Amino acid sequence: MGLPIKRSDHRRLQKMDTLNIFCKSDIECITQSAQWLLERLYIPHAKMGCRASHNDIKKYGLNKDPINWGDLSVVHVSRKGGSYCVDIEEASQDAVHLQAYISLWLKRWGWGSVEVRTLW
């Protein structure tokens, strides 16, 4: 998975890339960005390969959410009118801190209104 992509960068790259080699759709950019946000919550671990970062989990209030840290991932992104919806699997639908974490960062990166749904 690549780095997150701000909406302004996506638009600029689309204008420059006449062959559509580098540019992705807005859906692909949001998927990549949301997945990157999830992946950055993990740190390397000698025995397990990686594990969730206790510091970041507390920092964002995610320790209050029921989350399966072993298989957390973005499974679908869709457009709903002028906004987007991101579906994340392996967290309770009550994982409001996780939903806010993803939604707020995507909004900061210019993607506008983004609803995040969490599901088991």
C-alpha atoms as a PDB file:
ATOM      1  CA  MET A   1       0.000   0.000   0.000  1.00  0.00           C
ATOM      2  CA  GLY A   2       1.339   3.426  -0.908  1.00  0.00           C
ATOM      3  CA  LEU A   3       1.384   6.737   0.898  1.00  0.00           C
ATOM      4  CA  PRO A   4      -1.748   8.811   1.471  1.00  0.00           C
ATOM      5  CA  ILE A   5      -2.823  11.127  -1.333  1.00  0.00           C
ATOM      6  CA  LYS A   6      -4.345  14.547  -0.706  1.00  0.00           C
ATOM      7  CA  ARG A   7      -7.200  15.568  -2.984  1.00  0.00           C
ATOM      8  CA  SER A   8      -5.260  18.589  -4.271  1.00  0.00           C
ATOM      9  CA  ASP A   9      -2.339  16.328  -5.257  1.00  0.00           C
ATOM     10  CA  HIS A  10      -4.724  13.920  -6.976  1.00  0.00           C
ATOM     11  CA  ARG A  11      -6.185  16.745  -9.095  1.00  0.00           C
ATOM     12  CA  ARG A  12      -2.726  18.100  -9.972  1.00  0.00           C
ATOM     13  CA  LEU A  13      -1.472  14.649 -11.020  1.00  0.00           C
ATOM     14  CA  GLN A  14      -4.557  14.053 -13.153  1.00  0.00           C
ATOM     15  CA  LYS A  15      -3.833  17.238 -15.137  1.00  0.00           C
ATOM     16  CA  MET A  16      -0.183  16.268 -15.688  1.00  0.00           C
ATOM     17  CA  ASP A  17      -0.759  12.600 -16.545  1.00  0.00           C
ATOM     18  CA  THR A  18      -2.253  12.573 -20.033  1.00  0.00           C
ATOM     19  CA  LEU A  19      -1.595   8.816 -20.412  1.00  0.00           C
ATOM     20  CA  ASN A  20      -3.246   7.906 -17.082  1.00  0.00           C
ATOM     21  CA  ILE A  21      -0.110   6.067 -16.001  1.00  0.00           C
ATOM     22  CA  PHE A  22       0.230   7.470 -12.484  1.00  0.00           C
ATOM     23  CA  CYS A  23      -3.193   8.740 -11.545  1.00  0.00           C
ATOM     24  CA  LYS A  24      -5.732   6.679  -9.736  1.00  0.00           C
ATOM     25  CA  SER A  25      -9.421   7.286  -9.283  1.00  0.00           C
ATOM     26  CA  ASP A  26     -10.623   9.235  -6.264  1.00  0.00           C
ATOM     27  CA  ILE A  27     -11.938   5.945  -4.833  1.00  0.00           C
ATOM     28  CA  GLU A  28      -8.503   4.315  -5.137  1.00  0.00           C
ATOM     29  CA  CYS A  29      -6.829   7.358  -3.541  1.00  0.00           C
ATOM     30  CA  ILE A  30      -9.221   7.315  -0.580  1.00  0.00           C
ATOM     31  CA  THR A  31      -8.802   3.538  -0.186  1.00  0.00           C
ATOM     32  CA  GLN A  32      -5.014   3.886  -0.216  1.00  0.00           C
ATOM     33  CA  SER A  33      -5.065   6.820   2.208  1.00  0.00           C
ATOM     34  CA  ALA A  34      -7.457   5.157   4.676  1.00  0.00           C
ATOM     35  CA  GLN A  35      -5.465   1.900   4.593  1.00  0.00           C
ATOM     36  CA  TRP A  36      -2.257   3.868   5.213  1.00  0.00           C
ATOM     37  CA  LEU A  37      -3.881   5.473   8.266  1.00  0.00           C
ATOM     38  CA  LEU A  38      -4.681   2.003   9.627  1.00  0.00           C
ATOM     39  CA  GLU A  39      -1.213   0.653   8.877  1.00  0.00           C
ATOM     40  CA  ARG A  40       0.528   3.525  10.648  1.00  0.00           C
ATOM     41  CA  LEU A  41      -1.114   2.361  13.899  1.00  0.00           C
ATOM     42  CA  TYR A  42       1.222  -0.674  13.866  1.00  0.00           C
ATOM     43  CA  ILE A  43       4.896  -0.924  14.820  1.00  0.00           C
ATOM     44  CA  PRO A  44       7.497  -3.610  14.039  1.00  0.00           C
ATOM     45  CA  HIS A  45       7.725  -6.514  16.469  1.00  0.00           C
ATOM     46  CA  ALA A  46      10.490  -9.158  16.582  1.00  0.00           C
ATOM     47  CA  LYS A  47       8.250 -12.197  17.103  1.00  0.00           C
ATOM     48  CA  MET A  48       4.943 -11.159  15.520  1.00  0.00           C
ATOM     49  CA  GLY A  49       6.246  -9.073  12.629  1.00  0.00           C
ATOM     50  CA  CYS A  50       4.174  -6.120  13.796  1.00  0.00           C
ATOM     51  CA  ARG A  51       1.708  -5.178  16.508  1.00  0.00           C
ATOM     52  CA  ALA A  52      -0.609  -2.301  17.256  1.00  0.00           C
ATOM     53  CA  SER A  53       1.186   0.657  18.829  1.00  0.00           C
ATOM     54  CA  HIS A  54      -0.075   1.114  22.383  1.00  0.00           C
ATOM     55  CA  ASN A  55       0.958   4.788  22.322  1.00  0.00           C
ATOM     56  CA  ASP A  56      -1.012   5.620  19.170  1.00  0.00           C
ATOM     57  CA  ILE A  57      -3.995   3.555  20.275  1.00  0.00           C
ATOM     58  CA  LYS A  58      -4.224   5.600  23.483  1.00  0.00           C
ATOM     59  CA  LYS A  59      -3.412   8.877  21.708  1.00  0.00           C
ATOM     60  CA  TYR A  60      -6.438   8.523  19.408  1.00  0.00           C
ATOM     61  CA  GLY A  61      -8.721   6.929  22.024  1.00  0.00           C
ATOM     62  CA  LEU A  62      -8.826   3.669  20.094  1.00  0.00           C
ATOM     63  CA  ASN A  63      -8.263   1.692  23.290  1.00  0.00           C
ATOM     64  CA  LYS A  64     -11.944   2.397  24.033  1.00  0.00           C
ATOM     65  CA  ASP A  65     -13.118   0.764  20.791  1.00  0.00           C
ATOM     66  CA  PRO A  66     -13.702  -2.979  20.208  1.00  0.00           C
ATOM     67  CA  ILE A  67     -11.180  -3.692  17.407  1.00  0.00           C
ATOM     68  CA  ASN A  68      -9.594  -6.895  16.091  1.00  0.00           C
ATOM     69  CA  TRP A  69      -6.056  -5.586  15.579  1.00  0.00           C
ATOM     70  CA  GLY A  70      -5.038  -8.825  13.860  1.00  0.00           C
ATOM     71  CA  ASP A  71      -7.002  -8.214  10.658  1.00  0.00           C
ATOM     72  CA  LEU A  72      -8.084  -4.563  10.481  1.00  0.00           C
ATOM     73  CA  SER A  73      -8.470  -3.322   6.897  1.00  0.00           C
ATOM     74  CA  VAL A  74     -10.349  -1.135   4.440  1.00  0.00           C
ATOM     75  CA  VAL A  75     -12.659  -3.385   2.436  1.00  0.00           C
ATOM     76  CA  HIS A  76     -14.699  -0.945   0.348  1.00  0.00           C
ATOM     77  CA  VAL A  77     -14.971   2.736  -0.567  1.00  0.00           C
ATOM     78  CA  SER A  78     -17.914   4.233  -2.414  1.00  0.00           C
ATOM     79  CA  ARG A  79     -19.110   7.637  -3.530  1.00  0.00           C
ATOM     80  CA  LYS A  80     -22.429   8.897  -2.176  1.00  0.00           C
ATOM     81  CA  GLY A  81     -23.342  12.079  -4.037  1.00  0.00           C
ATOM     82  CA  GLY A  82     -20.646  14.607  -3.134  1.00  0.00           C
ATOM     83  CA  SER A  83     -19.298  12.574  -0.230  1.00  0.00           C
ATOM     84  CA  TYR A  84     -17.640   9.204   0.327  1.00  0.00           C
ATOM     85  CA  CYS A  85     -18.176   6.134   2.482  1.00  0.00           C
ATOM     86  CA  VAL A  86     -15.294   3.976   3.758  1.00  0.00           C
ATOM     87  CA  ASP A  87     -16.005   0.471   5.099  1.00  0.00           C
ATOM     88  CA  ILE A  88     -13.475  -0.972   7.542  1.00  0.00           C
ATOM     89  CA  GLU A  89     -13.651  -4.604   8.605  1.00  0.00           C
ATOM     90  CA  GLU A  90     -12.727  -6.118  11.967  1.00  0.00           C
ATOM     91  CA  ALA A  91     -14.032  -3.412  14.278  1.00  0.00           C
ATOM     92  CA  SER A  92     -17.368  -3.028  16.010  1.00  0.00           C
ATOM     93  CA  GLN A  93     -19.921  -0.665  14.521  1.00  0.00           C
ATOM     94  CA  ASP A  94     -19.526   1.183  17.837  1.00  0.00           C
ATOM     95  CA  ALA A  95     -15.829   1.941  17.160  1.00  0.00           C
ATOM     96  CA  VAL A  96     -16.498   5.687  17.085  1.00  0.00           C
ATOM     97  CA  HIS A  97     -12.903   6.707  17.815  1.00  0.00           C
ATOM     98  CA  LEU A  98     -11.607   4.680  14.874  1.00  0.00           C
ATOM     99  CA  GLN A  99     -14.322   6.121  12.630  1.00  0.00           C
ATOM    100  CA  ALA A 100     -13.426   9.675  13.694  1.00  0.00           C
ATOM    101  CA  TYR A 101      -9.666   9.073  13.261  1.00  0.00           C
ATOM    102  CA  ILE A 102     -10.089   7.991   9.626  1.00  0.00           C
ATOM    103  CA  SER A 103     -12.793  10.525   8.769  1.00  0.00           C
ATOM    104  CA  LEU A 104     -10.965  13.523  10.235  1.00  0.00           C
ATOM    105  CA  TRP A 105      -7.681  12.782   8.482  1.00  0.00           C
ATOM    106  CA  LEU A 106      -9.367  12.244   5.120  1.00  0.00           C
ATOM    107  CA  LYS A 107     -11.186  15.549   5.575  1.00  0.00           C
ATOM    108  CA  ARG A 108      -7.882  17.288   6.460  1.00  0.00           C
ATOM    109  CA  TRP A 109      -6.446  15.927   3.225  1.00  0.00           C
ATOM    110  CA  GLY A 110      -9.272  17.560   1.267  1.00  0.00           C
ATOM    111  CA  TRP A 111     -11.590  14.636   0.587  1.00  0.00           C
ATOM    112  CA  GLY A 112     -14.571  16.460   2.110  1.00  0.00           C
ATOM    113  CA  SER A 113     -17.286  14.613   3.931  1.00  0.00           C
ATOM    114  CA  VAL A 114     -16.334  10.978   4.543  1.00  0.00           C
ATOM    115  CA  GLU A 115     -18.550   8.551   6.432  1.00  0.00           C
ATOM    116  CA  VAL A 116     -16.636   5.661   7.995  1.00  0.00           C
ATOM    117  CA  ARG A 117     -18.482   2.456   8.781  1.00  0.00           C
ATOM    118  CA  THR A 118     -16.898  -0.272  10.867  1.00  0.00           C
ATOM    119  CA  LEU A 119     -18.081  -3.871  10.720  1.00  0.00           C
ATOM    120  CA  TRP A 120     -17.079  -7.291  11.913  1.00  0.00           C
END
